[in-house]
Amino acid sequence: MNPDFHATALMINSDGMGHGDETLRQRLLVNYLRTLVELETPPQAILLYAAGVKMVINTSPCRAEITRLREAGTRVIACRTCLDHYGLMEHVPEAEIGNMLMIVEAQGAAAKVITL
């Protein structure tokens, strides 16, 4: 049975998933997002803030999966304030740069919000 993520917003607020060293956290997040792609269960939105914005930059290990999810209809919003804080604005597609209002609105529009 495939889980239904179509009305779900995923919150990513760290540079990976779970606890452990950076390599493991990033690998877990890549695997999680890849599984969503493979199961054809794209979430309604992926919302990135704090260190989570590092996962959407062009050199992120998650970039391919995020691009595929976006192409499948997932809305990707990375916090502009956070990107600016880390000096990453020029490393993210313009269409994915948003603000906290957009993140809050996407949370409100989702039936379920999951923080990874």
Protein backbone atom coordinates (compact mmCIF):
# COMPACT_ATOMS: atom_id res chain seq x y z
CA MET A 1 0.00 0.00 0.00
CA ASN A 2 1.39 3.39 -0.98
CA PRO A 3 1.05 6.17 1.56
CA ASP A 4 -0.82 9.23 0.29
CA PHE A 5 1.31 12.34 0.64
CA HIS A 6 -0.61 14.49 -1.86
CA ALA A 7 -2.11 16.70 0.88
CA THR A 8 1.03 16.69 3.03
CA ALA A 9 3.65 19.36 3.59
CA LEU A 10 7.12 18.19 4.57
CA MET A 11 9.09 20.55 6.83
CA ILE A 12 12.86 20.23 6.57
CA ASN A 13 14.70 22.31 9.16
CA SER A 14 18.10 20.64 9.30
CA ASP A 15 20.81 19.58 6.86
CA GLY A 16 19.66 15.98 6.83
CA MET A 17 17.27 13.62 8.56
CA GLY A 18 17.50 12.18 12.05
CA HIS A 19 20.56 12.21 14.25
CA GLY A 20 24.09 11.08 13.53
CA ASP A 21 26.93 12.39 11.46
CA GLU A 22 26.32 14.66 8.48
CA THR A 23 26.88 11.94 5.89
CA LEU A 24 24.31 9.62 7.46
CA ARG A 25 21.71 12.39 7.95
CA GLN A 26 22.02 13.49 4.34
CA ARG A 27 21.92 9.94 3.04
CA LEU A 28 18.73 9.26 5.01
CA LEU A 29 17.06 12.35 3.58
CA VAL A 30 18.10 11.44 0.03
CA ASN A 31 16.70 7.94 0.53
CA TYR A 32 13.44 9.30 1.98
CA LEU A 33 12.90 11.73 -0.90
CA ARG A 34 13.92 9.12 -3.49
CA THR A 35 11.37 6.73 -2.01
CA LEU A 36 8.64 9.35 -2.45
CA VAL A 37 9.68 9.72 -6.09
CA GLU A 38 9.76 5.95 -6.67
CA LEU A 39 6.39 5.39 -4.99
CA GLU A 40 4.89 8.23 -7.03
CA THR A 41 3.52 9.83 -3.86
CA PRO A 42 4.72 13.41 -4.11
CA PRO A 43 3.91 15.65 -1.18
CA GLN A 44 1.93 18.83 -1.72
CA ALA A 45 4.88 20.92 -0.52
CA ILE A 46 8.44 20.74 0.75
CA LEU A 47 9.15 23.64 3.08
CA LEU A 48 12.76 24.36 4.02
CA TYR A 49 13.99 26.70 6.72
CA ALA A 50 16.95 27.09 9.11
CA ALA A 51 19.76 24.69 8.05
CA GLY A 52 17.22 22.80 5.94
CA VAL A 53 17.74 25.31 3.13
CA LYS A 54 21.16 23.74 2.57
CA MET A 55 19.34 20.70 1.16
CA VAL A 56 17.90 22.64 -1.77
CA ILE A 57 21.08 24.25 -3.13
CA ASN A 58 22.45 23.15 -6.49
CA THR A 59 25.23 21.02 -4.93
CA SER A 60 22.99 19.32 -2.36
CA PRO A 61 22.94 15.52 -2.34
CA CYS A 62 19.12 15.88 -2.44
CA ARG A 63 19.00 18.17 -5.49
CA ALA A 64 17.99 15.47 -8.01
CA GLU A 65 15.19 14.15 -5.81
CA ILE A 66 13.87 17.64 -5.02
CA THR A 67 13.90 18.48 -8.73
CA ARG A 68 12.01 15.29 -9.57
CA LEU A 69 9.43 15.96 -6.86
CA ARG A 70 9.02 19.53 -8.07
CA GLU A 71 8.51 18.25 -11.62
CA ALA A 72 5.84 15.89 -10.22
CA GLY A 73 3.94 18.88 -8.83
CA THR A 74 5.39 19.37 -5.36
CA ARG A 75 5.74 23.00 -4.35
CA VAL A 76 9.25 23.69 -2.98
CA ILE A 77 9.72 26.76 -0.78
CA ALA A 78 13.06 27.69 0.76
CA CYS A 79 13.15 30.50 3.33
CA ARG A 80 14.76 33.61 1.84
CA THR A 81 15.96 34.84 5.26
CA CYS A 82 17.69 31.51 5.90
CA LEU A 83 19.27 31.36 2.45
CA ASP A 84 20.54 34.89 2.91
CA HIS A 85 21.89 34.05 6.38
CA TYR A 86 23.96 31.17 4.96
CA GLY A 87 24.97 33.11 1.83
CA LEU A 88 23.18 30.64 -0.44
CA MET A 89 20.74 32.82 -2.40
CA GLU A 90 22.57 32.40 -5.71
CA HIS A 91 22.70 28.60 -5.32
CA VAL A 92 18.94 27.98 -5.41
CA PRO A 93 16.53 28.19 -8.35
CA GLU A 94 14.60 31.46 -8.07
CA ALA A 95 11.26 29.63 -8.25
CA GLU A 96 12.06 27.87 -4.96
CA ILE A 97 12.89 30.99 -2.94
CA GLY A 98 10.06 32.09 -0.70
CA ASN A 99 9.41 33.66 2.66
CA MET A 100 7.89 32.72 5.99
CA LEU A 101 4.43 33.87 4.90
CA MET A 102 4.53 31.41 2.00
CA ILE A 103 5.69 28.64 4.35
CA VAL A 104 2.87 29.38 6.82
CA GLU A 105 0.30 29.48 4.01
CA ALA A 106 1.53 26.13 2.64
CA GLN A 107 1.28 24.61 6.12
CA GLY A 108 -2.28 25.89 6.44
CA ALA A 109 -3.25 24.50 3.03
CA ALA A 110 -1.93 21.01 3.88
CA ALA A 111 -4.09 18.36 5.52
CA LYS A 112 -0.98 17.13 7.35
CA VAL A 113 2.44 18.61 8.14
CA ILE A 114 5.40 16.30 8.79
CA THR A 115 8.68 17.61 10.16
CA LEU A 116 11.69 15.52 9.15
